[in-house]
N, C-alpha and C. Protein backbone atom coordinates (compact mmCIF):
# COMPACT_ATOMS: atom_id res chain seq x y z
N UNK A 1 -70.39 -0.67 17.05
CA UNK A 1 -70.21 0.20 15.89
C UNK A 1 -68.99 -0.23 15.08
N UNK A 2 -67.91 -0.53 15.80
CA UNK A 2 -66.67 -0.91 15.13
C UNK A 2 -66.84 -2.20 14.34
N UNK A 3 -67.54 -3.16 14.90
CA UNK A 3 -67.73 -4.45 14.22
C UNK A 3 -68.61 -4.26 12.98
N UNK A 4 -69.64 -3.45 13.10
CA UNK A 4 -70.51 -3.20 11.94
C UNK A 4 -69.74 -2.53 10.81
N UNK A 5 -68.88 -1.56 11.14
CA UNK A 5 -68.07 -0.90 10.11
C UNK A 5 -67.10 -1.87 9.45
N UNK A 6 -66.54 -2.78 10.25
CA UNK A 6 -65.62 -3.77 9.68
C UNK A 6 -66.34 -4.72 8.73
N UNK A 7 -67.57 -5.10 9.09
CA UNK A 7 -68.34 -5.98 8.21
C UNK A 7 -68.66 -5.29 6.89
N UNK A 8 -69.08 -4.03 6.98
CA UNK A 8 -69.39 -3.26 5.76
C UNK A 8 -68.12 -3.06 4.93
N UNK A 9 -66.99 -2.85 5.59
CA UNK A 9 -65.71 -2.69 4.89
C UNK A 9 -65.36 -3.97 4.13
N UNK A 10 -65.56 -5.11 4.74
CA UNK A 10 -65.28 -6.39 4.07
C UNK A 10 -66.22 -6.57 2.87
N UNK A 11 -67.49 -6.19 3.03
CA UNK A 11 -68.43 -6.29 1.90
C UNK A 11 -68.02 -5.37 0.75
N UNK A 12 -67.57 -4.15 1.08
CA UNK A 12 -67.09 -3.24 0.04
C UNK A 12 -65.85 -3.82 -0.64
N UNK A 13 -64.97 -4.43 0.13
CA UNK A 13 -63.75 -5.00 -0.45
C UNK A 13 -64.09 -6.15 -1.41
N UNK A 14 -65.00 -7.01 -1.00
CA UNK A 14 -65.40 -8.13 -1.86
C UNK A 14 -66.09 -7.61 -3.12
N UNK A 15 -66.96 -6.61 -2.96
CA UNK A 15 -67.62 -6.01 -4.11
C UNK A 15 -66.64 -5.36 -5.07
N UNK A 16 -65.65 -4.66 -4.52
CA UNK A 16 -64.64 -4.00 -5.35
C UNK A 16 -63.82 -5.02 -6.12
N UNK A 17 -63.44 -6.10 -5.45
CA UNK A 17 -62.68 -7.16 -6.13
C UNK A 17 -63.52 -7.76 -7.26
N UNK A 18 -64.79 -8.03 -6.98
CA UNK A 18 -65.66 -8.62 -7.99
C UNK A 18 -65.85 -7.73 -9.20
N UNK A 19 -66.07 -6.44 -8.96
CA UNK A 19 -66.29 -5.50 -10.06
C UNK A 19 -65.02 -5.35 -10.91
N UNK A 20 -63.88 -5.31 -10.25
CA UNK A 20 -62.62 -5.18 -11.00
C UNK A 20 -62.37 -6.43 -11.85
N UNK A 21 -62.67 -7.60 -11.30
CA UNK A 21 -62.47 -8.83 -12.06
C UNK A 21 -63.44 -8.97 -13.23
N UNK A 22 -64.61 -8.36 -13.13
CA UNK A 22 -65.59 -8.43 -14.22
C UNK A 22 -65.26 -7.50 -15.38
N UNK A 23 -64.40 -6.53 -15.15
CA UNK A 23 -64.09 -5.57 -16.21
C UNK A 23 -63.27 -6.22 -17.31
N UNK A 24 -63.46 -5.68 -18.49
CA UNK A 24 -62.74 -6.16 -19.67
C UNK A 24 -61.30 -5.65 -19.61
N UNK A 25 -60.34 -6.51 -19.90
CA UNK A 25 -58.94 -6.11 -19.90
C UNK A 25 -58.61 -5.23 -21.09
N UNK A 26 -57.69 -4.33 -20.90
CA UNK A 26 -57.25 -3.47 -22.00
C UNK A 26 -56.22 -4.24 -22.83
N UNK A 27 -56.37 -4.18 -24.14
CA UNK A 27 -55.43 -4.86 -25.03
C UNK A 27 -54.09 -4.14 -25.00
N UNK A 28 -53.03 -4.91 -24.95
CA UNK A 28 -51.70 -4.32 -24.91
C UNK A 28 -50.74 -5.21 -25.70
N UNK A 29 -49.73 -4.61 -26.20
CA UNK A 29 -48.70 -5.35 -26.90
C UNK A 29 -49.12 -5.77 -28.30
N UNK A 30 -48.43 -6.77 -28.83
CA UNK A 30 -48.66 -7.24 -30.19
C UNK A 30 -50.04 -7.88 -30.34
N UNK A 31 -50.49 -8.64 -29.35
CA UNK A 31 -51.80 -9.27 -29.45
C UNK A 31 -52.91 -8.23 -29.48
N UNK A 32 -52.73 -7.13 -28.77
CA UNK A 32 -53.72 -6.05 -28.81
C UNK A 32 -53.73 -5.35 -30.14
N UNK A 33 -52.59 -5.24 -30.76
CA UNK A 33 -52.52 -4.59 -32.07
C UNK A 33 -53.22 -5.44 -33.13
N UNK A 34 -53.11 -6.75 -33.01
CA UNK A 34 -53.73 -7.65 -33.99
C UNK A 34 -55.24 -7.72 -33.78
N UNK A 35 -55.66 -7.97 -32.54
CA UNK A 35 -57.09 -8.13 -32.28
C UNK A 35 -57.81 -6.79 -32.16
N UNK A 36 -57.09 -5.73 -31.82
CA UNK A 36 -57.72 -4.42 -31.66
C UNK A 36 -58.27 -3.87 -32.95
N UNK A 37 -57.65 -4.20 -34.06
CA UNK A 37 -58.14 -3.71 -35.35
C UNK A 37 -59.50 -4.27 -35.69
N UNK A 38 -59.75 -5.51 -35.35
CA UNK A 38 -61.04 -6.13 -35.62
C UNK A 38 -62.15 -5.48 -34.81
N UNK A 39 -61.84 -5.10 -33.57
CA UNK A 39 -62.84 -4.45 -32.72
C UNK A 39 -63.23 -3.09 -33.29
N UNK A 40 -62.27 -2.37 -33.81
CA UNK A 40 -62.57 -1.06 -34.38
C UNK A 40 -63.32 -1.19 -35.70
N UNK A 41 -63.02 -2.24 -36.46
CA UNK A 41 -63.67 -2.44 -37.75
C UNK A 41 -65.13 -2.84 -37.59
N UNK A 42 -65.39 -3.82 -36.71
CA UNK A 42 -66.74 -4.34 -36.54
C UNK A 42 -67.49 -3.65 -35.41
N UNK A 43 -66.79 -2.98 -34.54
CA UNK A 43 -67.42 -2.27 -33.43
C UNK A 43 -67.82 -3.21 -32.31
N UNK A 44 -67.94 -2.65 -31.13
CA UNK A 44 -68.42 -3.45 -30.01
C UNK A 44 -69.30 -2.56 -29.14
N UNK A 45 -70.43 -2.18 -29.67
CA UNK A 45 -71.32 -1.27 -28.97
C UNK A 45 -72.13 -1.96 -27.87
N UNK A 46 -72.32 -3.28 -27.96
CA UNK A 46 -73.11 -3.98 -26.95
C UNK A 46 -72.44 -3.95 -25.58
N UNK A 47 -71.15 -4.08 -25.55
CA UNK A 47 -70.44 -4.17 -24.28
C UNK A 47 -70.18 -2.80 -23.67
N UNK A 48 -70.44 -1.74 -24.41
CA UNK A 48 -70.13 -0.39 -23.92
C UNK A 48 -70.93 -0.02 -22.68
N UNK A 49 -72.20 -0.36 -22.64
CA UNK A 49 -73.04 -0.02 -21.50
C UNK A 49 -72.58 -0.72 -20.23
N UNK A 50 -72.24 -1.98 -20.35
CA UNK A 50 -71.77 -2.73 -19.19
C UNK A 50 -70.41 -2.23 -18.72
N UNK A 51 -69.54 -1.89 -19.67
CA UNK A 51 -68.23 -1.35 -19.29
C UNK A 51 -68.37 -0.04 -18.54
N UNK A 52 -69.27 0.81 -18.99
CA UNK A 52 -69.50 2.08 -18.32
C UNK A 52 -70.06 1.87 -16.92
N UNK A 53 -71.00 0.94 -16.79
CA UNK A 53 -71.56 0.62 -15.48
C UNK A 53 -70.49 0.10 -14.53
N UNK A 54 -69.64 -0.79 -15.03
CA UNK A 54 -68.58 -1.36 -14.19
C UNK A 54 -67.56 -0.30 -13.78
N UNK A 55 -67.26 0.64 -14.68
CA UNK A 55 -66.34 1.72 -14.33
C UNK A 55 -66.91 2.58 -13.22
N UNK A 56 -68.18 2.94 -13.34
CA UNK A 56 -68.81 3.78 -12.32
C UNK A 56 -68.95 3.04 -11.00
N UNK A 57 -69.28 1.75 -11.07
CA UNK A 57 -69.39 0.95 -9.84
C UNK A 57 -68.03 0.85 -9.16
N UNK A 58 -66.97 0.72 -9.94
CA UNK A 58 -65.62 0.66 -9.37
C UNK A 58 -65.28 1.96 -8.65
N UNK A 59 -65.62 3.08 -9.24
CA UNK A 59 -65.34 4.38 -8.62
C UNK A 59 -66.11 4.51 -7.31
N UNK A 60 -67.40 4.18 -7.33
CA UNK A 60 -68.23 4.31 -6.13
C UNK A 60 -67.72 3.39 -5.02
N UNK A 61 -67.43 2.15 -5.37
CA UNK A 61 -66.94 1.19 -4.36
C UNK A 61 -65.57 1.58 -3.83
N UNK A 62 -64.71 2.12 -4.69
CA UNK A 62 -63.38 2.53 -4.23
C UNK A 62 -63.46 3.71 -3.26
N UNK A 63 -64.32 4.67 -3.58
CA UNK A 63 -64.49 5.82 -2.67
C UNK A 63 -65.09 5.36 -1.34
N UNK A 64 -66.09 4.49 -1.41
CA UNK A 64 -66.68 3.95 -0.18
C UNK A 64 -65.69 3.16 0.64
N UNK A 65 -64.87 2.37 -0.03
CA UNK A 65 -63.85 1.58 0.66
C UNK A 65 -62.84 2.50 1.35
N UNK A 66 -62.44 3.55 0.68
CA UNK A 66 -61.47 4.50 1.25
C UNK A 66 -62.05 5.19 2.49
N UNK A 67 -63.28 5.66 2.39
CA UNK A 67 -63.91 6.36 3.51
C UNK A 67 -64.12 5.40 4.68
N UNK A 68 -64.59 4.19 4.40
CA UNK A 68 -64.78 3.22 5.46
C UNK A 68 -63.47 2.82 6.12
N UNK A 69 -62.41 2.73 5.33
CA UNK A 69 -61.09 2.42 5.90
C UNK A 69 -60.65 3.50 6.89
N UNK A 70 -60.88 4.75 6.53
CA UNK A 70 -60.54 5.85 7.43
C UNK A 70 -61.39 5.81 8.70
N UNK A 71 -62.68 5.52 8.54
CA UNK A 71 -63.55 5.44 9.72
C UNK A 71 -63.17 4.30 10.65
N UNK A 72 -62.88 3.14 10.09
CA UNK A 72 -62.47 2.00 10.91
C UNK A 72 -61.16 2.31 11.62
N UNK A 73 -60.22 2.91 10.92
CA UNK A 73 -58.95 3.27 11.55
C UNK A 73 -59.15 4.26 12.69
N UNK A 74 -60.07 5.20 12.51
CA UNK A 74 -60.36 6.19 13.55
C UNK A 74 -60.97 5.52 14.78
N UNK A 75 -61.94 4.63 14.58
CA UNK A 75 -62.61 3.99 15.70
C UNK A 75 -61.72 2.97 16.40
N UNK A 76 -60.82 2.32 15.69
CA UNK A 76 -59.91 1.37 16.32
C UNK A 76 -58.89 2.11 17.17
N UNK A 77 -58.49 3.28 16.70
CA UNK A 77 -57.49 4.06 17.44
C UNK A 77 -58.06 4.59 18.76
N UNK A 78 -59.34 4.96 18.75
CA UNK A 78 -59.95 5.52 19.98
C UNK A 78 -60.55 4.48 20.85
């Protein structure tokens, strides 16, 4: 049981890393001020659906990772 939970935990960790790396970075600083105006002017509605999916996937994977971490810690302790 412990080994199976550890394998699933590693899969959740890899998935979480992948989803976070696929997300679009938030513009900050002077470069964000310059390029951010163009995005608001022309809009970027195509990427909105994917961004929303990636945000929700990140939340689900993070919650799963947290719960699995607690379960693995419990089983290793006993």
